[in-house]
Amino acid sequence: MIAYLKGKIIKKTDKSIILLVDDIGYEIFVSCKFLEKIRQDQDIDLFVYHKQREDAQELYGFSNFEEREFFIQLLSVPGVGPKSAINVLSISEVSDLKSAIATGDVDIFKKISGIGTKTAEKIIIELKSKLGFSGFSNNPNNVEGSDLEVFEALNALGFSDYEIRSIYNKIPKDIDTKEKVKTALKFLKK
């Protein structure tokens, strides 16, 4: 299986690149967001997902390992294939997509061509537990309700209890869970 490639972009299309590696050109499907950042004749390195089927082999490229892992998790959702998964990565950063899963925001996924309400809900249901957004084991300071959901979401995104507590009082209490997570991420990214 191919997991990583380094080479020169010799051609860009609207959905893929051709990467020249040791005199072999590999067609690699990438997100639209990634395509905007690169240019022809640029040397790059990519993490790759190699999809093998009976009638074809396809490569999907990612700028970092986290994107590749999230892509693979998306593929585990029934009804989500590689083309839909790469389109998901075209709309937003992985951290924002994980935040949307944590807060149950189906709207972000419905923006993607080929993904309707049912598939968006499936993505959230299937990935919520796989990404660690359920069952917060150490309930910090007896946080309850939507505040616990915010704490769980931020903790699952890799922020420590200390980091979350340090900004928690800055988050307005009169907004919904989704907005609380977004506001918290703004403070935590500074």
C-alpha atoms as a PDB file:
ATOM      1  CA  MET A   1       0.000   0.000   0.000  1.00  0.00           C
ATOM      2  CA  ILE A   2       1.168   3.485  -0.821  1.00  0.00           C
ATOM      3  CA  ALA A   3       1.032   5.807   2.210  1.00  0.00           C
ATOM      4  CA  TYR A   4       3.381   8.684   1.343  1.00  0.00           C
ATOM      5  CA  LEU A   5       4.750  10.259  -1.850  1.00  0.00           C
ATOM      6  CA  LYS A   6       7.193  13.054  -2.557  1.00  0.00           C
ATOM      7  CA  GLY A   7       7.609  14.575  -5.987  1.00  0.00           C
ATOM      8  CA  LYS A   8       6.858  17.356  -8.449  1.00  0.00           C
ATOM      9  CA  ILE A   9       3.398  18.369  -9.642  1.00  0.00           C
ATOM     10  CA  ILE A  10       3.437  18.117 -13.423  1.00  0.00           C
ATOM     11  CA  LYS A  11      -0.308  18.628 -13.972  1.00  0.00           C
ATOM     12  CA  LYS A  12      -3.296  20.021 -12.043  1.00  0.00           C
ATOM     13  CA  THR A  13      -6.927  19.293 -12.906  1.00  0.00           C
ATOM     14  CA  ASP A  14     -10.078  20.407 -11.118  1.00  0.00           C
ATOM     15  CA  LYS A  15     -10.037  17.307  -8.851  1.00  0.00           C
ATOM     16  CA  SER A  16      -6.563  15.831  -8.978  1.00  0.00           C
ATOM     17  CA  ILE A  17      -2.873  16.291  -9.593  1.00  0.00           C
ATOM     18  CA  ILE A  18      -0.303  14.232 -11.405  1.00  0.00           C
ATOM     19  CA  LEU A  19       2.742  13.856  -9.211  1.00  0.00           C
ATOM     20  CA  LEU A  20       6.023  12.835 -10.825  1.00  0.00           C
ATOM     21  CA  VAL A  21       7.960  10.516  -8.503  1.00  0.00           C
ATOM     22  CA  ASP A  22      11.120   8.834  -9.878  1.00  0.00           C
ATOM     23  CA  ASP A  23       9.931   9.099 -13.506  1.00  0.00           C
ATOM     24  CA  ILE A  24       6.458   7.708 -12.680  1.00  0.00           C
ATOM     25  CA  GLY A  25       3.388   9.956 -12.764  1.00  0.00           C
ATOM     26  CA  TYR A  26       0.753   9.206 -10.122  1.00  0.00           C
ATOM     27  CA  GLU A  27      -2.735  10.664 -10.409  1.00  0.00           C
ATOM     28  CA  ILE A  28      -3.799  11.698  -6.914  1.00  0.00           C
ATOM     29  CA  PHE A  29      -7.236  13.025  -6.024  1.00  0.00           C
ATOM     30  CA  VAL A  30      -7.061  15.922  -3.553  1.00  0.00           C
ATOM     31  CA  SER A  31      -9.496  18.330  -1.912  1.00  0.00           C
ATOM     32  CA  CYS A  32     -10.406  21.589  -3.636  1.00  0.00           C
ATOM     33  CA  LYS A  33      -8.998  23.429  -0.625  1.00  0.00           C
ATOM     34  CA  PHE A  34      -5.626  21.721  -1.175  1.00  0.00           C
ATOM     35  CA  LEU A  35      -5.704  22.391  -4.937  1.00  0.00           C
ATOM     36  CA  GLU A  36      -6.006  26.126  -4.264  1.00  0.00           C
ATOM     37  CA  LYS A  37      -2.804  26.110  -2.195  1.00  0.00           C
ATOM     38  CA  ILE A  38      -0.542  24.362  -4.699  1.00  0.00           C
ATOM     39  CA  ARG A  39       0.810  25.182  -8.152  1.00  0.00           C
ATOM     40  CA  GLN A  40       2.101  23.239 -11.112  1.00  0.00           C
ATOM     41  CA  ASP A  41       5.877  22.513 -11.067  1.00  0.00           C
ATOM     42  CA  GLN A  42       5.871  22.676  -7.251  1.00  0.00           C
ATOM     43  CA  ASP A  43       7.722  20.027  -5.228  1.00  0.00           C
ATOM     44  CA  ILE A  44       5.461  18.581  -2.526  1.00  0.00           C
ATOM     45  CA  ASP A  45       5.093  15.619  -0.246  1.00  0.00           C
ATOM     46  CA  LEU A  46       1.752  13.994   0.529  1.00  0.00           C
ATOM     47  CA  PHE A  47       0.257  11.450   2.839  1.00  0.00           C
ATOM     48  CA  VAL A  48      -1.725   9.097   0.626  1.00  0.00           C
ATOM     49  CA  TYR A  49      -4.676   6.744   0.923  1.00  0.00           C
ATOM     50  CA  HIS A  50      -4.494   3.921  -1.630  1.00  0.00           C
ATOM     51  CA  LYS A  51      -7.933   2.600  -2.621  1.00  0.00           C
ATOM     52  CA  GLN A  52      -7.892  -0.751  -4.436  1.00  0.00           C
ATOM     53  CA  ARG A  53     -10.898  -2.200  -6.200  1.00  0.00           C
ATOM     54  CA  GLU A  54     -11.268  -5.029  -8.687  1.00  0.00           C
ATOM     55  CA  ASP A  55     -11.387  -2.661 -11.647  1.00  0.00           C
ATOM     56  CA  ALA A  56      -9.299   0.308 -10.465  1.00  0.00           C
ATOM     57  CA  GLN A  57      -6.738   1.717  -8.098  1.00  0.00           C
ATOM     58  CA  GLU A  58      -7.086   5.273  -6.833  1.00  0.00           C
ATOM     59  CA  LEU A  59      -4.850   7.504  -4.737  1.00  0.00           C
ATOM     60  CA  TYR A  60      -6.102  10.270  -2.462  1.00  0.00           C
ATOM     61  CA  GLY A  61      -3.621  12.846  -1.161  1.00  0.00           C
ATOM     62  CA  PHE A  62      -3.483  14.892   2.028  1.00  0.00           C
ATOM     63  CA  SER A  63      -1.211  17.630   3.293  1.00  0.00           C
ATOM     64  CA  ASN A  64      -0.955  16.056   6.756  1.00  0.00           C
ATOM     65  CA  PHE A  65      -1.500  12.754   8.530  1.00  0.00           C
ATOM     66  CA  GLU A  66      -4.498  14.052  10.538  1.00  0.00           C
ATOM     67  CA  GLU A  67      -6.436  14.718   7.313  1.00  0.00           C
ATOM     68  CA  ARG A  68      -5.634  11.215   6.054  1.00  0.00           C
ATOM     69  CA  GLU A  69      -6.843   9.642   9.304  1.00  0.00           C
ATOM     70  CA  PHE A  70     -10.070  11.683   9.269  1.00  0.00           C
ATOM     71  CA  PHE A  71     -10.640  10.664   5.622  1.00  0.00           C
ATOM     72  CA  ILE A  72     -10.316   6.991   6.625  1.00  0.00           C
ATOM     73  CA  GLN A  73     -12.781   7.519   9.475  1.00  0.00           C
ATOM     74  CA  LEU A  74     -15.244   9.093   7.029  1.00  0.00           C
ATOM     75  CA  LEU A  75     -14.946   6.009   4.811  1.00  0.00           C
ATOM     76  CA  SER A  76     -16.132   3.860   7.727  1.00  0.00           C
ATOM     77  CA  VAL A  77     -19.539   5.579   7.562  1.00  0.00           C
ATOM     78  CA  PRO A  78     -22.041   3.598   5.438  1.00  0.00           C
ATOM     79  CA  GLY A  79     -22.864   5.539   2.271  1.00  0.00           C
ATOM     80  CA  VAL A  80     -19.701   7.661   2.296  1.00  0.00           C
ATOM     81  CA  GLY A  81     -17.227   6.801  -0.438  1.00  0.00           C
ATOM     82  CA  PRO A  82     -13.839   8.282  -1.248  1.00  0.00           C
ATOM     83  CA  LYS A  83     -15.210  11.026  -3.523  1.00  0.00           C
ATOM     84  CA  SER A  84     -17.662  12.225  -0.854  1.00  0.00           C
ATOM     85  CA  ALA A  85     -14.995  11.990   1.861  1.00  0.00           C
ATOM     86  CA  ILE A  86     -12.526  14.110  -0.140  1.00  0.00           C
ATOM     87  CA  ASN A  87     -15.339  16.628  -0.734  1.00  0.00           C
ATOM     88  CA  VAL A  88     -15.913  16.815   3.039  1.00  0.00           C
ATOM     89  CA  LEU A  89     -12.268  17.812   3.472  1.00  0.00           C
ATOM     90  CA  SER A  90     -12.766  20.512   0.829  1.00  0.00           C
ATOM     91  CA  ILE A  91     -15.206  22.522   2.929  1.00  0.00           C
ATOM     92  CA  SER A  92     -13.341  23.059   6.163  1.00  0.00           C
ATOM     93  CA  GLU A  93     -10.401  22.245   8.421  1.00  0.00           C
ATOM     94  CA  VAL A  94     -10.430  18.897  10.235  1.00  0.00           C
ATOM     95  CA  SER A  95     -10.738  20.610  13.636  1.00  0.00           C
ATOM     96  CA  ASP A  96     -13.878  22.445  12.459  1.00  0.00           C
ATOM     97  CA  LEU A  97     -15.353  19.228  11.062  1.00  0.00           C
ATOM     98  CA  LYS A  98     -14.683  17.446  14.349  1.00  0.00           C
ATOM     99  CA  SER A  99     -16.292  20.345  16.194  1.00  0.00           C
ATOM    100  CA  ALA A 100     -19.358  20.027  13.958  1.00  0.00           C
ATOM    101  CA  ILE A 101     -19.543  16.315  14.796  1.00  0.00           C
ATOM    102  CA  ALA A 102     -19.209  17.039  18.509  1.00  0.00           C
ATOM    103  CA  THR A 103     -22.037  19.585  18.433  1.00  0.00           C
ATOM    104  CA  GLY A 104     -24.256  17.666  16.001  1.00  0.00           C
ATOM    105  CA  ASP A 105     -24.105  20.323  13.276  1.00  0.00           C
ATOM    106  CA  VAL A 106     -25.538  18.562  10.188  1.00  0.00           C
ATOM    107  CA  ASP A 107     -25.622  21.770   8.150  1.00  0.00           C
ATOM    108  CA  ILE A 108     -21.868  21.826   7.515  1.00  0.00           C
ATOM    109  CA  PHE A 109     -22.045  18.354   5.923  1.00  0.00           C
ATOM    110  CA  LYS A 110     -25.179  19.130   3.891  1.00  0.00           C
ATOM    111  CA  LYS A 111     -23.172  21.774   1.975  1.00  0.00           C
ATOM    112  CA  ILE A 112     -21.347  18.935   0.230  1.00  0.00           C
ATOM    113  CA  SER A 113     -22.590  17.720  -3.125  1.00  0.00           C
ATOM    114  CA  GLY A 114     -24.092  14.247  -2.767  1.00  0.00           C
ATOM    115  CA  ILE A 115     -24.590  14.419   1.009  1.00  0.00           C
ATOM    116  CA  GLY A 116     -28.122  14.955   2.228  1.00  0.00           C
ATOM    117  CA  THR A 117     -29.613  15.176   5.690  1.00  0.00           C
ATOM    118  CA  LYS A 118     -29.645  11.409   6.292  1.00  0.00           C
ATOM    119  CA  THR A 119     -25.995  10.927   5.331  1.00  0.00           C
ATOM    120  CA  ALA A 120     -24.965  14.007   7.327  1.00  0.00           C
ATOM    121  CA  GLU A 121     -26.738  12.582  10.377  1.00  0.00           C
ATOM    122  CA  LYS A 122     -25.056   9.204   9.782  1.00  0.00           C
ATOM    123  CA  ILE A 123     -21.639  10.866   9.694  1.00  0.00           C
ATOM    124  CA  ILE A 124     -22.303  12.535  13.037  1.00  0.00           C
ATOM    125  CA  ILE A 125     -23.776   9.442  14.698  1.00  0.00           C
ATOM    126  CA  GLU A 126     -21.077   7.064  13.411  1.00  0.00           C
ATOM    127  CA  LEU A 127     -18.092   9.312  14.123  1.00  0.00           C
ATOM    128  CA  LYS A 128     -19.158  10.905  17.404  1.00  0.00           C
ATOM    129  CA  SER A 129     -18.094   7.922  19.498  1.00  0.00           C
ATOM    130  CA  LYS A 130     -15.130   7.002  17.263  1.00  0.00           C
ATOM    131  CA  LEU A 131     -13.701  10.481  17.774  1.00  0.00           C
ATOM    132  CA  GLY A 132     -14.239  10.316  21.534  1.00  0.00           C
ATOM    133  CA  PHE A 133     -17.111  12.782  21.824  1.00  0.00           C
ATOM    134  CA  SER A 134     -19.275  10.627  24.073  1.00  0.00           C
ATOM    135  CA  GLY A 135     -18.922   9.543  27.655  1.00  0.00           C
ATOM    136  CA  PHE A 136     -16.724  12.181  29.272  1.00  0.00           C
ATOM    137  CA  SER A 137     -15.316  10.123  32.121  1.00  0.00           C
ATOM    138  CA  ASN A 138     -13.986  12.842  34.385  1.00  0.00           C
ATOM    139  CA  ASN A 139     -16.769  15.370  34.758  1.00  0.00           C
ATOM    140  CA  PRO A 140     -14.761  18.519  35.589  1.00  0.00           C
ATOM    141  CA  ASN A 141     -16.234  20.618  38.373  1.00  0.00           C
ATOM    142  CA  ASN A 142     -19.623  18.901  38.012  1.00  0.00           C
ATOM    143  CA  VAL A 143     -20.314  20.523  34.642  1.00  0.00           C
ATOM    144  CA  GLU A 144     -23.728  19.475  33.308  1.00  0.00           C
ATOM    145  CA  GLY A 145     -25.955  19.731  30.232  1.00  0.00           C
ATOM    146  CA  SER A 146     -24.781  21.703  27.224  1.00  0.00           C
ATOM    147  CA  ASP A 147     -21.750  22.939  29.172  1.00  0.00           C
ATOM    148  CA  LEU A 148     -20.633  19.319  29.551  1.00  0.00           C
ATOM    149  CA  GLU A 149     -21.066  18.838  25.784  1.00  0.00           C
ATOM    150  CA  VAL A 150     -18.816  21.854  25.190  1.00  0.00           C
ATOM    151  CA  PHE A 151     -16.245  20.513  27.652  1.00  0.00           C
ATOM    152  CA  GLU A 152     -16.351  17.045  26.032  1.00  0.00           C
ATOM    153  CA  ALA A 153     -15.991  18.468  22.526  1.00  0.00           C
ATOM    154  CA  LEU A 154     -12.996  20.627  23.421  1.00  0.00           C
ATOM    155  CA  ASN A 155     -11.372  17.826  25.394  1.00  0.00           C
ATOM    156  CA  ALA A 156     -11.807  15.404  22.467  1.00  0.00           C
ATOM    157  CA  LEU A 157     -10.184  17.971  20.174  1.00  0.00           C
ATOM    158  CA  GLY A 158      -7.069  17.648  22.308  1.00  0.00           C
ATOM    159  CA  PHE A 159      -7.361  20.572  24.711  1.00  0.00           C
ATOM    160  CA  SER A 160      -6.530  19.857  28.353  1.00  0.00           C
ATOM    161  CA  ASP A 161      -8.936  20.475  31.221  1.00  0.00           C
ATOM    162  CA  TYR A 162      -6.664  23.312  32.340  1.00  0.00           C
ATOM    163  CA  GLU A 163      -6.773  25.012  28.912  1.00  0.00           C
ATOM    164  CA  ILE A 164     -10.555  24.694  28.742  1.00  0.00           C
ATOM    165  CA  ARG A 165     -11.080  26.028  32.277  1.00  0.00           C
ATOM    166  CA  SER A 166      -8.775  28.981  31.561  1.00  0.00           C
ATOM    167  CA  ILE A 167     -11.074  30.304  28.807  1.00  0.00           C
ATOM    168  CA  TYR A 168     -14.422  28.869  29.914  1.00  0.00           C
ATOM    169  CA  ASN A 169     -15.633  31.975  31.740  1.00  0.00           C
ATOM    170  CA  LYS A 170     -15.009  34.055  28.608  1.00  0.00           C
ATOM    171  CA  ILE A 171     -17.679  32.080  26.710  1.00  0.00           C
ATOM    172  CA  PRO A 172     -21.135  33.702  26.755  1.00  0.00           C
ATOM    173  CA  LYS A 173     -23.700  31.490  28.525  1.00  0.00           C
ATOM    174  CA  ASP A 174     -26.696  32.635  26.459  1.00  0.00           C
ATOM    175  CA  ILE A 175     -25.670  30.962  23.176  1.00  0.00           C
ATOM    176  CA  ASP A 176     -26.227  27.409  21.979  1.00  0.00           C
ATOM    177  CA  THR A 177     -23.695  24.585  22.320  1.00  0.00           C
ATOM    178  CA  LYS A 178     -22.424  24.892  18.752  1.00  0.00           C
ATOM    179  CA  GLU A 179     -21.672  28.598  19.182  1.00  0.00           C
ATOM    180  CA  LYS A 180     -20.037  27.979  22.559  1.00  0.00           C
ATOM    181  CA  VAL A 181     -17.618  25.480  20.969  1.00  0.00           C
ATOM    182  CA  LYS A 182     -16.833  27.873  18.116  1.00  0.00           C
ATOM    183  CA  THR A 183     -16.225  30.746  20.550  1.00  0.00           C
ATOM    184  CA  ALA A 184     -14.037  28.555  22.750  1.00  0.00           C
ATOM    185  CA  LEU A 185     -11.959  27.470  19.744  1.00  0.00           C
ATOM    186  CA  LYS A 186     -11.325  31.110  18.871  1.00  0.00           C
ATOM    187  CA  PHE A 187      -9.943  31.748  22.368  1.00  0.00           C
ATOM    188  CA  LEU A 188      -7.930  28.526  22.431  1.00  0.00           C
ATOM    189  CA  LYS A 189      -6.292  29.091  19.039  1.00  0.00           C
ATOM    190  CA  LYS A 190      -4.787  32.447  20.076  1.00  0.00           C
END
